[in-house]
Amino acid sequence: MGKLVSDLRLAWRMAVAVFLTLLRVRQARRKMMFAVSIATMLVTFFGFTLLEGFLADHPLLFAIYWFFCIGLVLFMLLLAIYDMAAVKGDLDVRAGRELAEVLKEIEEKARAEKGGDED
């Protein structure tokens, strides 16, 4: 039993590490958001059409199913918020670099003009 728990903890840690790594890569993050969006739409569609009668007959399964759908929607929203924050951070870094480059060019141009005036 101890070996199984240890293996499950290791598997969980590895899954979390992979997930956090995927969050750092923009393309992977966007693909994950797309997949979760498609999954959310499919699960919701199936809940309203194919599984409607079955879920109506089983209230506990009905509640579990729709809480799962709500969880998918919340996960999708969290991914979108994280993506927005990551993009904003990337833009802030890029803007800072470009500002530093422009200021450096202006400073070099001012020094060159100042040196040219002395002749």
PDB file of N, CA and C in Angstrom:
ATOM      1  N   MET A   1       0.821  -1.193   0.000  1.00  0.00           N
ATOM      2  CA  MET A   1       0.000   0.000   0.000  1.00  0.00           C
ATOM      3  C   MET A   1       0.864   1.256   0.000  1.00  0.00           C
ATOM      4  N   GLY A   2       1.966   1.238   0.750  1.00  0.00           N
ATOM      5  CA  GLY A   2       2.865   2.385   0.815  1.00  0.00           C
ATOM      6  C   GLY A   2       3.512   2.670  -0.523  1.00  0.00           C
ATOM      7  N   LYS A   3       3.845   1.619  -1.262  1.00  0.00           N
ATOM      8  CA  LYS A   3       4.455   1.772  -2.590  1.00  0.00           C
ATOM      9  C   LYS A   3       3.461   2.405  -3.561  1.00  0.00           C
ATOM     10  N   LEU A   4       2.194   1.997  -3.479  1.00  0.00           N
ATOM     11  CA  LEU A   4       1.170   2.544  -4.350  1.00  0.00           C
ATOM     12  C   LEU A   4       0.966   4.028  -4.079  1.00  0.00           C
ATOM     13  N   VAL A   5       0.903   4.409  -2.815  1.00  0.00           N
ATOM     14  CA  VAL A   5       0.730   5.814  -2.451  1.00  0.00           C
ATOM     15  C   VAL A   5       1.928   6.623  -2.921  1.00  0.00           C
ATOM     16  N   SER A   6       3.119   6.077  -2.746  1.00  0.00           N
ATOM     17  CA  SER A   6       4.329   6.753  -3.186  1.00  0.00           C
ATOM     18  C   SER A   6       4.320   6.945  -4.699  1.00  0.00           C
ATOM     19  N   ASP A   7       3.910   5.930  -5.432  1.00  0.00           N
ATOM     20  CA  ASP A   7       3.841   6.018  -6.893  1.00  0.00           C
ATOM     21  C   ASP A   7       2.787   7.028  -7.340  1.00  0.00           C
ATOM     22  N   LEU A   8       1.659   7.043  -6.629  1.00  0.00           N
ATOM     23  CA  LEU A   8       0.617   8.014  -6.972  1.00  0.00           C
ATOM     24  C   LEU A   8       1.073   9.444  -6.714  1.00  0.00           C
ATOM     25  N   ARG A   9       1.785   9.658  -5.618  1.00  0.00           N
ATOM     26  CA  ARG A   9       2.324  10.990  -5.334  1.00  0.00           C
ATOM     27  C   ARG A   9       3.321  11.421  -6.402  1.00  0.00           C
ATOM     28  N   LEU A  10       4.177  10.500  -6.812  1.00  0.00           N
ATOM     29  CA  LEU A  10       5.148  10.797  -7.854  1.00  0.00           C
ATOM     30  C   LEU A  10       4.439  11.120  -9.166  1.00  0.00           C
ATOM     31  N   ALA A  11       3.428  10.341  -9.512  1.00  0.00           N
ATOM     32  CA  ALA A  11       2.674  10.584 -10.743  1.00  0.00           C
ATOM     33  C   ALA A  11       1.977  11.948 -10.675  1.00  0.00           C
ATOM     34  N   TRP A  12       1.414  12.278  -9.517  1.00  0.00           N
ATOM     35  CA  TRP A  12       0.750  13.567  -9.360  1.00  0.00           C
ATOM     36  C   TRP A  12       1.741  14.711  -9.512  1.00  0.00           C
ATOM     37  N   ARG A  13       2.911  14.593  -8.888  1.00  0.00           N
ATOM     38  CA  ARG A  13       3.939  15.632  -8.994  1.00  0.00           C
ATOM     39  C   ARG A  13       4.405  15.801 -10.432  1.00  0.00           C
ATOM     40  N   MET A  14       4.547  14.684 -11.137  1.00  0.00           N
ATOM     41  CA  MET A  14       4.965  14.755 -12.538  1.00  0.00           C
ATOM     42  C   MET A  14       3.886  15.425 -13.390  1.00  0.00           C
ATOM     43  N   ALA A  15       2.636  15.097 -13.130  1.00  0.00           N
ATOM     44  CA  ALA A  15       1.531  15.705 -13.884  1.00  0.00           C
ATOM     45  C   ALA A  15       1.478  17.211 -13.635  1.00  0.00           C
ATOM     46  N   VAL A  16       1.658  17.621 -12.394  1.00  0.00           N
ATOM     47  CA  VAL A  16       1.660  19.045 -12.070  1.00  0.00           C
ATOM     48  C   VAL A  16       2.845  19.737 -12.730  1.00  0.00           C
ATOM     49  N   ALA A  17       4.015  19.092 -12.724  1.00  0.00           N
ATOM     50  CA  ALA A  17       5.192  19.679 -13.361  1.00  0.00           C
ATOM     51  C   ALA A  17       4.982  19.849 -14.864  1.00  0.00           C
ATOM     52  N   VAL A  18       4.388  18.859 -15.505  1.00  0.00           N
ATOM     53  CA  VAL A  18       4.106  18.960 -16.939  1.00  0.00           C
ATOM     54  C   VAL A  18       3.107  20.076 -17.208  1.00  0.00           C
ATOM     55  N   PHE A  19       2.061  20.163 -16.394  1.00  0.00           N
ATOM     56  CA  PHE A  19       1.052  21.203 -16.558  1.00  0.00           C
ATOM     57  C   PHE A  19       1.670  22.588 -16.408  1.00  0.00           C
ATOM     58  N   LEU A  20       2.499  22.781 -15.378  1.00  0.00           N
ATOM     59  CA  LEU A  20       3.129  24.087 -15.164  1.00  0.00           C
ATOM     60  C   LEU A  20       4.104  24.425 -16.280  1.00  0.00           C
ATOM     61  N   THR A  21       4.760  23.419 -16.822  1.00  0.00           N
ATOM     62  CA  THR A  21       5.658  23.646 -17.953  1.00  0.00           C
ATOM     63  C   THR A  21       4.853  24.068 -19.177  1.00  0.00           C
ATOM     64  N   LEU A  22       3.725  23.411 -19.410  1.00  0.00           N
ATOM     65  CA  LEU A  22       2.876  23.776 -20.546  1.00  0.00           C
ATOM     66  C   LEU A  22       2.333  25.191 -20.416  1.00  0.00           C
ATOM     67  N   LEU A  23       2.079  25.633 -19.197  1.00  0.00           N
ATOM     68  CA  LEU A  23       1.571  26.984 -19.003  1.00  0.00           C
ATOM     69  C   LEU A  23       2.579  28.042 -19.417  1.00  0.00           C
ATOM     70  N   ARG A  24       3.852  27.726 -19.362  1.00  0.00           N
ATOM     71  CA  ARG A  24       4.892  28.704 -19.686  1.00  0.00           C
ATOM     72  C   ARG A  24       5.100  28.871 -21.183  1.00  0.00           C
ATOM     73  N   VAL A  25       4.664  27.906 -21.977  1.00  0.00           N
ATOM     74  CA  VAL A  25       4.853  27.958 -23.428  1.00  0.00           C
ATOM     75  C   VAL A  25       3.553  28.450 -24.060  1.00  0.00           C
ATOM     76  N   ARG A  26       3.636  29.574 -24.767  1.00  0.00           N
ATOM     77  CA  ARG A  26       2.424  30.209 -25.289  1.00  0.00           C
ATOM     78  C   ARG A  26       1.637  29.287 -26.217  1.00  0.00           C
ATOM     79  N   GLN A  27       2.297  28.647 -27.168  1.00  0.00           N
ATOM     80  CA  GLN A  27       1.577  27.777 -28.106  1.00  0.00           C
ATOM     81  C   GLN A  27       0.915  26.607 -27.394  1.00  0.00           C
ATOM     82  N   ALA A  28       1.613  26.001 -26.462  1.00  0.00           N
ATOM     83  CA  ALA A  28       1.045  24.874 -25.718  1.00  0.00           C
ATOM     84  C   ALA A  28      -0.137  25.335 -24.870  1.00  0.00           C
ATOM     85  N   ARG A  29      -0.005  26.506 -24.270  1.00  0.00           N
ATOM     86  CA  ARG A  29      -1.077  27.055 -23.446  1.00  0.00           C
ATOM     87  C   ARG A  29      -2.320  27.322 -24.297  1.00  0.00           C
ATOM     88  N   ARG A  30      -2.118  27.868 -25.477  1.00  0.00           N
ATOM     89  CA  ARG A  30      -3.256  28.164 -26.346  1.00  0.00           C
ATOM     90  C   ARG A  30      -3.899  26.880 -26.874  1.00  0.00           C
ATOM     91  N   LYS A  31      -3.095  25.868 -27.177  1.00  0.00           N
ATOM     92  CA  LYS A  31      -3.653  24.589 -27.608  1.00  0.00           C
ATOM     93  C   LYS A  31      -4.454  23.943 -26.481  1.00  0.00           C
ATOM     94  N   MET A  32      -3.947  24.069 -25.259  1.00  0.00           N
ATOM     95  CA  MET A  32      -4.663  23.523 -24.114  1.00  0.00           C
ATOM     96  C   MET A  32      -5.990  24.272 -23.917  1.00  0.00           C
ATOM     97  N   MET A  33      -5.979  25.586 -24.091  1.00  0.00           N
ATOM     98  CA  MET A  33      -7.209  26.361 -23.972  1.00  0.00           C
ATOM     99  C   MET A  33      -8.213  25.944 -25.044  1.00  0.00           C
ATOM    100  N   PHE A  34      -7.730  25.707 -26.256  1.00  0.00           N
ATOM    101  CA  PHE A  34      -8.613  25.275 -27.338  1.00  0.00           C
ATOM    102  C   PHE A  34      -9.220  23.913 -27.023  1.00  0.00           C
ATOM    103  N   ALA A  35      -8.389  22.986 -26.557  1.00  0.00           N
ATOM    104  CA  ALA A  35      -8.879  21.637 -26.250  1.00  0.00           C
ATOM    105  C   ALA A  35      -9.908  21.670 -25.121  1.00  0.00           C
ATOM    106  N   VAL A  36      -9.651  22.469 -24.098  1.00  0.00           N
ATOM    107  CA  VAL A  36     -10.595  22.565 -22.982  1.00  0.00           C
ATOM    108  C   VAL A  36     -11.899  23.224 -23.448  1.00  0.00           C
ATOM    109  N   SER A  37     -11.805  24.202 -24.337  1.00  0.00           N
ATOM    110  CA  SER A  37     -13.012  24.838 -24.877  1.00  0.00           C
ATOM    111  C   SER A  37     -13.857  23.840 -25.661  1.00  0.00           C
ATOM    112  N   ILE A  38     -13.209  23.053 -26.518  1.00  0.00           N
ATOM    113  CA  ILE A  38     -13.929  22.051 -27.299  1.00  0.00           C
ATOM    114  C   ILE A  38     -14.555  21.011 -26.361  1.00  0.00           C
ATOM    115  N   ALA A  39     -13.781  20.557 -25.376  1.00  0.00           N
ATOM    116  CA  ALA A  39     -14.299  19.564 -24.425  1.00  0.00           C
ATOM    117  C   ALA A  39     -15.502  20.119 -23.661  1.00  0.00           C
ATOM    118  N   THR A  40     -15.433  21.373 -23.264  1.00  0.00           N
ATOM    119  CA  THR A  40     -16.543  21.991 -22.538  1.00  0.00           C
ATOM    120  C   THR A  40     -17.798  22.047 -23.408  1.00  0.00           C
ATOM    121  N   MET A  41     -17.625  22.449 -24.656  1.00  0.00           N
ATOM    122  CA  MET A  41     -18.783  22.513 -25.551  1.00  0.00           C
ATOM    123  C   MET A  41     -19.376  21.136 -25.811  1.00  0.00           C
ATOM    124  N   LEU A  42     -18.519  20.131 -26.007  1.00  0.00           N
ATOM    125  CA  LEU A  42     -19.013  18.779 -26.254  1.00  0.00           C
ATOM    126  C   LEU A  42     -19.741  18.205 -25.043  1.00  0.00           C
ATOM    127  N   VAL A  43     -19.153  18.365 -23.877  1.00  0.00           N
ATOM    128  CA  VAL A  43     -19.775  17.830 -22.656  1.00  0.00           C
ATOM    129  C   VAL A  43     -21.116  18.513 -22.406  1.00  0.00           C
ATOM    130  N   THR A  44     -21.164  19.823 -22.623  1.00  0.00           N
ATOM    131  CA  THR A  44     -22.430  20.541 -22.444  1.00  0.00           C
ATOM    132  C   THR A  44     -23.468  20.085 -23.469  1.00  0.00           C
ATOM    133  N   PHE A  45     -23.040  19.944 -24.718  1.00  0.00           N
ATOM    134  CA  PHE A  45     -23.948  19.478 -25.763  1.00  0.00           C
ATOM    135  C   PHE A  45     -24.503  18.097 -25.435  1.00  0.00           C
ATOM    136  N   PHE A  46     -23.627  17.170 -25.043  1.00  0.00           N
ATOM    137  CA  PHE A  46     -24.076  15.814 -24.712  1.00  0.00           C
ATOM    138  C   PHE A  46     -25.013  15.824 -23.498  1.00  0.00           C
ATOM    139  N   GLY A  47     -24.749  16.715 -22.549  1.00  0.00           N
ATOM    140  CA  GLY A  47     -25.610  16.801 -21.376  1.00  0.00           C
ATOM    141  C   GLY A  47     -27.018  17.271 -21.712  1.00  0.00           C
ATOM    142  N   PHE A  48     -27.128  18.154 -22.711  1.00  0.00           N
ATOM    143  CA  PHE A  48     -28.443  18.670 -23.103  1.00  0.00           C
ATOM    144  C   PHE A  48     -29.167  17.774 -24.100  1.00  0.00           C
ATOM    145  N   THR A  49     -28.437  16.896 -24.785  1.00  0.00           N
ATOM    146  CA  THR A  49     -29.085  16.095 -25.836  1.00  0.00           C
ATOM    147  C   THR A  49     -29.082  14.611 -25.491  1.00  0.00           C
ATOM    148  N   LEU A  50     -27.951  13.959 -25.665  1.00  0.00           N
ATOM    149  CA  LEU A  50     -27.884  12.505 -25.546  1.00  0.00           C
ATOM    150  C   LEU A  50     -28.138  11.990 -24.127  1.00  0.00           C
ATOM    151  N   LEU A  51     -27.617  12.697 -23.147  1.00  0.00           N
ATOM    152  CA  LEU A  51     -27.708  12.211 -21.761  1.00  0.00           C
ATOM    153  C   LEU A  51     -28.855  12.822 -20.972  1.00  0.00           C
ATOM    154  N   GLU A  52     -29.676  13.629 -21.621  1.00  0.00           N
ATOM    155  CA  GLU A  52     -30.735  14.347 -20.898  1.00  0.00           C
ATOM    156  C   GLU A  52     -31.667  13.406 -20.139  1.00  0.00           C
ATOM    157  N   GLY A  53     -32.167  12.379 -20.798  1.00  0.00           N
ATOM    158  CA  GLY A  53     -33.087  11.446 -20.136  1.00  0.00           C
ATOM    159  C   GLY A  53     -32.423  10.666 -19.018  1.00  0.00           C
ATOM    160  N   PHE A  54     -31.200  10.200 -19.267  1.00  0.00           N
ATOM    161  CA  PHE A  54     -30.473   9.432 -18.257  1.00  0.00           C
ATOM    162  C   PHE A  54     -30.194  10.286 -17.030  1.00  0.00           C
ATOM    163  N   LEU A  55     -29.716  11.514 -17.264  1.00  0.00           N
ATOM    164  CA  LEU A  55     -29.390  12.389 -16.132  1.00  0.00           C
ATOM    165  C   LEU A  55     -30.646  12.825 -15.375  1.00  0.00           C
ATOM    166  N   ALA A  56     -31.755  12.945 -16.092  1.00  0.00           N
ATOM    167  CA  ALA A  56     -33.005  13.328 -15.429  1.00  0.00           C
ATOM    168  C   ALA A  56     -33.484  12.231 -14.471  1.00  0.00           C
ATOM    169  N   ASP A  57     -33.166  10.977 -14.792  1.00  0.00           N
ATOM    170  CA  ASP A  57     -33.577   9.858 -13.938  1.00  0.00           C
ATOM    171  C   ASP A  57     -32.652   9.634 -12.744  1.00  0.00           C
ATOM    172  N   HIS A  58     -31.449  10.204 -12.781  1.00  0.00           N
ATOM    173  CA  HIS A  58     -30.458   9.992 -11.716  1.00  0.00           C
ATOM    174  C   HIS A  58     -29.980  11.354 -11.200  1.00  0.00           C
ATOM    175  N   PRO A  59     -30.625  11.879 -10.173  1.00  0.00           N
ATOM    176  CA  PRO A  59     -30.298  13.231  -9.685  1.00  0.00           C
ATOM    177  C   PRO A  59     -28.849  13.388  -9.208  1.00  0.00           C
ATOM    178  N   LEU A  60     -28.296  12.361  -8.575  1.00  0.00           N
ATOM    179  CA  LEU A  60     -26.914  12.472  -8.104  1.00  0.00           C
ATOM    180  C   LEU A  60     -25.952  12.572  -9.283  1.00  0.00           C
ATOM    181  N   LEU A  61     -26.141  11.724 -10.280  1.00  0.00           N
ATOM    182  CA  LEU A  61     -25.302  11.794 -11.478  1.00  0.00           C
ATOM    183  C   LEU A  61     -25.516  13.114 -12.225  1.00  0.00           C
ATOM    184  N   PHE A  62     -26.753  13.601 -12.212  1.00  0.00           N
ATOM    185  CA  PHE A  62     -27.058  14.893 -12.816  1.00  0.00           C
ATOM    186  C   PHE A  62     -26.209  15.996 -12.176  1.00  0.00           C
ATOM    187  N   ALA A  63     -26.205  16.020 -10.851  1.00  0.00           N
ATOM    188  CA  ALA A  63     -25.446  17.050 -10.125  1.00  0.00           C
ATOM    189  C   ALA A  63     -23.949  16.908 -10.382  1.00  0.00           C
ATOM    190  N   ILE A  64     -23.446  15.675 -10.323  1.00  0.00           N
ATOM    191  CA  ILE A  64     -22.016  15.447 -10.559  1.00  0.00           C
ATOM    192  C   ILE A  64     -21.643  15.882 -11.974  1.00  0.00           C
ATOM    193  N   TYR A  65     -22.450  15.518 -12.948  1.00  0.00           N
ATOM    194  CA  TYR A  65     -22.173  15.843 -14.349  1.00  0.00           C
ATOM    195  C   TYR A  65     -22.117  17.355 -14.564  1.00  0.00           C
ATOM    196  N   TRP A  66     -23.110  18.064 -14.050  1.00  0.00           N
ATOM    197  CA  TRP A  66     -23.134  19.501 -14.290  1.00  0.00           C
ATOM    198  C   TRP A  66     -22.113  20.244 -13.445  1.00  0.00           C
ATOM    199  N   PHE A  67     -21.750  19.733 -12.287  1.00  0.00           N
ATOM    200  CA  PHE A  67     -20.639  20.338 -11.543  1.00  0.00           C
ATOM    201  C   PHE A  67     -19.330  20.131 -12.291  1.00  0.00           C
ATOM    202  N   PHE A  68     -19.193  18.983 -12.947  1.00  0.00           N
ATOM    203  CA  PHE A  68     -18.020  18.749 -13.791  1.00  0.00           C
ATOM    204  C   PHE A  68     -17.985  19.760 -14.938  1.00  0.00           C
ATOM    205  N   CYS A  69     -19.132  20.026 -15.551  1.00  0.00           N
ATOM    206  CA  CYS A  69     -19.207  21.021 -16.625  1.00  0.00           C
ATOM    207  C   CYS A  69     -18.825  22.410 -16.108  1.00  0.00           C
ATOM    208  N   ILE A  70     -19.328  22.748 -14.939  1.00  0.00           N
ATOM    209  CA  ILE A  70     -18.983  24.040 -14.341  1.00  0.00           C
ATOM    210  C   ILE A  70     -17.482  24.097 -14.054  1.00  0.00           C
ATOM    211  N   GLY A  71     -16.924  22.996 -13.585  1.00  0.00           N
ATOM    212  CA  GLY A  71     -15.482  22.942 -13.348  1.00  0.00           C
ATOM    213  C   GLY A  71     -14.686  23.160 -14.625  1.00  0.00           C
ATOM    214  N   LEU A  72     -15.136  22.564 -15.727  1.00  0.00           N
ATOM    215  CA  LEU A  72     -14.457  22.781 -17.011  1.00  0.00           C
ATOM    216  C   LEU A  72     -14.519  24.246 -17.428  1.00  0.00           C
ATOM    217  N   VAL A  73     -15.666  24.865 -17.246  1.00  0.00           N
ATOM    218  CA  VAL A  73     -15.813  26.284 -17.599  1.00  0.00           C
ATOM    219  C   VAL A  73     -14.895  27.143 -16.734  1.00  0.00           C
ATOM    220  N   LEU A  74     -14.851  26.869 -15.441  1.00  0.00           N
ATOM    221  CA  LEU A  74     -13.975  27.639 -14.556  1.00  0.00           C
ATOM    222  C   LEU A  74     -12.507  27.432 -14.907  1.00  0.00           C
ATOM    223  N   PHE A  75     -12.137  26.193 -15.240  1.00  0.00           N
ATOM    224  CA  PHE A  75     -10.761  25.914 -15.652  1.00  0.00           C
ATOM    225  C   PHE A  75     -10.425  26.683 -16.924  1.00  0.00           C
ATOM    226  N   MET A  76     -11.360  26.713 -17.876  1.00  0.00           N
ATOM    227  CA  MET A  76     -11.151  27.441 -19.117  1.00  0.00           C
ATOM    228  C   MET A  76     -10.980  28.938 -18.835  1.00  0.00           C
ATOM    229  N   LEU A  77     -11.786  29.486 -17.945  1.00  0.00           N
ATOM    230  CA  LEU A  77     -11.668  30.896 -17.591  1.00  0.00           C
ATOM    231  C   LEU A  77     -10.338  31.198 -16.899  1.00  0.00           C
ATOM    232  N   LEU A  78      -9.918  30.298 -16.020  1.00  0.00           N
ATOM    233  CA  LEU A  78      -8.621  30.502 -15.361  1.00  0.00           C
ATOM    234  C   LEU A  78      -7.472  30.466 -16.364  1.00  0.00           C
ATOM    235  N   LEU A  79      -7.543  29.548 -17.322  1.00  0.00           N
ATOM    236  CA  LEU A  79      -6.522  29.509 -18.363  1.00  0.00           C
ATOM    237  C   LEU A  79      -6.512  30.805 -19.174  1.00  0.00           C
ATOM    238  N   ALA A  80      -7.689  31.317 -19.492  1.00  0.00           N
ATOM    239  CA  ALA A  80      -7.770  32.553 -20.262  1.00  0.00           C
ATOM    240  C   ALA A  80      -7.216  33.734 -19.472  1.00  0.00           C
ATOM    241  N   ILE A  81      -7.531  33.808 -18.194  1.00  0.00           N
ATOM    242  CA  ILE A  81      -7.009  34.894 -17.353  1.00  0.00           C
ATOM    243  C   ILE A  81      -5.495  34.789 -17.234  1.00  0.00           C
ATOM    244  N   TYR A  82      -4.992  33.568 -17.041  1.00  0.00           N
ATOM    245  CA  TYR A  82      -3.539  33.381 -16.963  1.00  0.00           C
ATOM    246  C   TYR A  82      -2.883  33.776 -18.281  1.00  0.00           C
ATOM    247  N   ASP A  83      -3.493  33.400 -19.400  1.00  0.00           N
ATOM    248  CA  ASP A  83      -2.936  33.745 -20.702  1.00  0.00           C
ATOM    249  C   ASP A  83      -2.894  35.260 -20.885  1.00  0.00           C
ATOM    250  N   MET A  84      -3.966  35.939 -20.473  1.00  0.00           N
ATOM    251  CA  MET A  84      -3.985  37.397 -20.562  1.00  0.00           C
ATOM    252  C   MET A  84      -2.864  38.018 -19.742  1.00  0.00           C
ATOM    253  N   ALA A  85      -2.679  37.530 -18.534  1.00  0.00           N
ATOM    254  CA  ALA A  85      -1.634  38.069 -17.667  1.00  0.00           C
ATOM    255  C   ALA A  85      -0.243  37.776 -18.240  1.00  0.00           C
ATOM    256  N   ALA A  86      -0.057  36.578 -18.791  1.00  0.00           N
ATOM    257  CA  ALA A  86       1.241  36.230 -19.365  1.00  0.00           C
ATOM    258  C   ALA A  86       1.546  37.080 -20.590  1.00  0.00           C
ATOM    259  N   VAL A  87       0.558  37.311 -21.430  1.00  0.00           N
ATOM    260  CA  VAL A  87       0.756  38.150 -22.617  1.00  0.00           C
ATOM    261  C   VAL A  87       1.056  39.582 -22.197  1.00  0.00           C
ATOM    262  N   LYS A  88       0.344  40.085 -21.195  1.00  0.00           N
ATOM    263  CA  LYS A  88       0.612  41.438 -20.708  1.00  0.00           C
ATOM    264  C   LYS A  88       2.029  41.543 -20.157  1.00  0.00           C
ATOM    265  N   GLY A  89       2.462  40.535 -19.414  1.00  0.00           N
ATOM    266  CA  GLY A  89       3.832  40.541 -18.903  1.00  0.00           C
ATOM    267  C   GLY A  89       4.858  40.522 -20.021  1.00  0.00           C
ATOM    268  N   ASP A  90       4.622  39.702 -21.049  1.00  0.00           N
ATOM    269  CA  ASP A  90       5.531  39.661 -22.193  1.00  0.00           C
ATOM    270  C   ASP A  90       5.587  41.008 -22.911  1.00  0.00           C
ATOM    271  N   LEU A  91       4.417  41.643 -23.059  1.00  0.00           N
ATOM    272  CA  LEU A  91       4.380  42.952 -23.715  1.00  0.00           C
ATOM    273  C   LEU A  91       5.093  44.010 -22.885  1.00  0.00           C
ATOM    274  N   ASP A  92       4.957  43.952 -21.573  1.00  0.00           N
ATOM    275  CA  ASP A  92       5.653  44.899 -20.705  1.00  0.00           C
ATOM    276  C   ASP A  92       7.166  44.752 -20.836  1.00  0.00           C
ATOM    277  N   VAL A  93       7.637  43.516 -20.871  1.00  0.00           N
ATOM    278  CA  VAL A  93       9.079  43.269 -21.029  1.00  0.00           C
ATOM    279  C   VAL A  93       9.554  43.783 -22.381  1.00  0.00           C
ATOM    280  N   ARG A  94       8.790  43.471 -23.425  1.00  0.00           N
ATOM    281  CA  ARG A  94       9.167  43.914 -24.775  1.00  0.00           C
ATOM    282  C   ARG A  94       9.164  45.442 -24.867  1.00  0.00           C
ATOM    283  N   ALA A  95       8.172  46.093 -24.271  1.00  0.00           N
ATOM    284  CA  ALA A  95       8.092  47.551 -24.295  1.00  0.00           C
ATOM    285  C   ALA A  95       9.285  48.162 -23.550  1.00  0.00           C
ATOM    286  N   GLY A  96       9.667  47.557 -22.435  1.00  0.00           N
ATOM    287  CA  GLY A  96      10.831  48.050 -21.699  1.00  0.00           C
ATOM    288  C   GLY A  96      12.113  47.941 -22.507  1.00  0.00           C
ATOM    289  N   ARG A  97      12.278  46.829 -23.213  1.00  0.00           N
ATOM    290  CA  ARG A  97      13.468  46.664 -24.066  1.00  0.00           C
ATOM    291  C   ARG A  97      13.475  47.689 -25.190  1.00  0.00           C
ATOM    292  N   GLU A  98      12.333  47.856 -25.846  1.00  0.00           N
ATOM    293  CA  GLU A  98      12.273  48.808 -26.951  1.00  0.00           C
ATOM    294  C   GLU A  98      12.500  50.232 -26.463  1.00  0.00           C
ATOM    295  N   LEU A  99      11.961  50.573 -25.305  1.00  0.00           N
ATOM    296  CA  LEU A  99      12.190  51.896 -24.742  1.00  0.00           C
ATOM    297  C   LEU A  99      13.666  52.110 -24.450  1.00  0.00           C
ATOM    298  N   ALA A 100      14.328  51.106 -23.894  1.00  0.00           N
ATOM    299  CA  ALA A 100      15.758  51.220 -23.614  1.00  0.00           C
ATOM    300  C   ALA A 100      16.549  51.403 -24.910  1.00  0.00           C
ATOM    301  N   GLU A 101      16.169  50.691 -25.964  1.00  0.00           N
ATOM    302  CA  GLU A 101      16.864  50.838 -27.247  1.00  0.00           C
ATOM    303  C   GLU A 101      16.663  52.230 -27.837  1.00  0.00           C
ATOM    304  N   VAL A 102      15.435  52.739 -27.781  1.00  0.00           N
ATOM    305  CA  VAL A 102      15.152  54.075 -28.315  1.00  0.00           C
ATOM    306  C   VAL A 102      15.898  55.129 -27.520  1.00  0.00           C
ATOM    307  N   LEU A 103      15.909  55.023 -26.213  1.00  0.00           N
ATOM    308  CA  LEU A 103      16.640  55.989 -25.386  1.00  0.00           C
ATOM    309  C   LEU A 103      18.141  55.934 -25.669  1.00  0.00           C
ATOM    310  N   LYS A 104      18.656  54.744 -25.901  1.00  0.00           N
ATOM    311  CA  LYS A 104      20.074  54.590 -26.227  1.00  0.00           C
ATOM    312  C   LYS A 104      20.385  55.255 -27.568  1.00  0.00           C
ATOM    313  N   GLU A 105      19.517  55.070 -28.557  1.00  0.00           N
ATOM    314  CA  GLU A 105      19.716  55.700 -29.859  1.00  0.00           C
ATOM    315  C   GLU A 105      19.660  57.211 -29.753  1.00  0.00           C
ATOM    316  N   ILE A 106      18.719  57.717 -28.971  1.00  0.00           N
ATOM    317  CA  ILE A 106      18.600  59.168 -28.789  1.00  0.00           C
ATOM    318  C   ILE A 106      19.840  59.712 -28.111  1.00  0.00           C
ATOM    319  N   GLU A 107      20.313  58.986 -27.095  1.00  0.00           N
ATOM    320  CA  GLU A 107      21.513  59.423 -26.380  1.00  0.00           C
ATOM    321  C   GLU A 107      22.725  59.430 -27.301  1.00  0.00           C
ATOM    322  N   GLU A 108      22.871  58.391 -28.118  1.00  0.00           N
ATOM    323  CA  GLU A 108      24.006  58.333 -29.054  1.00  0.00           C
ATOM    324  C   GLU A 108      23.914  59.447 -30.091  1.00  0.00           C
ATOM    325  N   LYS A 109      22.721  59.732 -30.573  1.00  0.00           N
ATOM    326  CA  LYS A 109      22.535  60.789 -31.550  1.00  0.00           C
ATOM    327  C   LYS A 109      22.846  62.154 -30.926  1.00  0.00           C
ATOM    328  N   ALA A 110      22.430  62.355 -29.678  1.00  0.00           N
ATOM    329  CA  ALA A 110      22.710  63.618 -28.985  1.00  0.00           C
ATOM    330  C   ALA A 110      24.209  63.787 -28.770  1.00  0.00           C
ATOM    331  N   ARG A 111      24.896  62.715 -28.425  1.00  0.00           N
ATOM    332  CA  ARG A 111      26.358  62.792 -28.249  1.00  0.00           C
ATOM    333  C   ARG A 111      27.048  63.088 -29.570  1.00  0.00           C
ATOM    334  N   ALA A 112      26.562  62.470 -30.648  1.00  0.00           N
ATOM    335  CA  ALA A 112      27.171  62.698 -31.956  1.00  0.00           C
ATOM    336  C   ALA A 112      26.956  64.142 -32.400  1.00  0.00           C
ATOM    337  N   GLU A 113      25.781  64.703 -32.162  1.00  0.00           N
ATOM    338  CA  GLU A 113      25.506  66.089 -32.525  1.00  0.00           C
ATOM    339  C   GLU A 113      26.316  67.032 -31.664  1.00  0.00           C
ATOM    340  N   LYS A 114      26.466  66.717 -30.399  1.00  0.00           N
ATOM    341  CA  LYS A 114      27.232  67.553 -29.489  1.00  0.00           C
ATOM    342  C   LYS A 114      28.698  67.555 -29.901  1.00  0.00           C
ATOM    343  N   GLY A 115      29.207  66.389 -30.275  1.00  0.00           N
ATOM    344  CA  GLY A 115      30.592  66.291 -30.731  1.00  0.00           C
ATOM    345  C   GLY A 115      30.801  66.996 -32.058  1.00  0.00           C
ATOM    346  N   GLY A 116      29.800  66.982 -32.931  1.00  0.00           N
ATOM    347  CA  GLY A 116      29.895  67.647 -34.237  1.00  0.00           C
ATOM    348  C   GLY A 116      29.846  69.164 -34.115  1.00  0.00           C
ATOM    349  N   ASP A 117      29.193  69.702 -33.070  1.00  0.00           N
ATOM    350  CA  ASP A 117      29.089  71.140 -32.878  1.00  0.00           C
ATOM    351  C   ASP A 117      30.419  71.745 -32.440  1.00  0.00           C
ATOM    352  N   GLU A 118      31.258  70.956 -31.803  1.00  0.00           N
ATOM    353  CA  GLU A 118      32.532  71.474 -31.293  1.00  0.00           C
ATOM    354  C   GLU A 118      33.520  71.762 -32.411  1.00  0.00           C
ATOM    355  N   ASP A 119      33.368  71.126 -33.570  1.00  0.00           N
ATOM    356  CA  ASP A 119      34.285  71.362 -34.702  1.00  0.00           C
ATOM    357  C   ASP A 119      34.011  72.657 -35.305  1.00  0.00           C
TER     358      ASP A 119
END
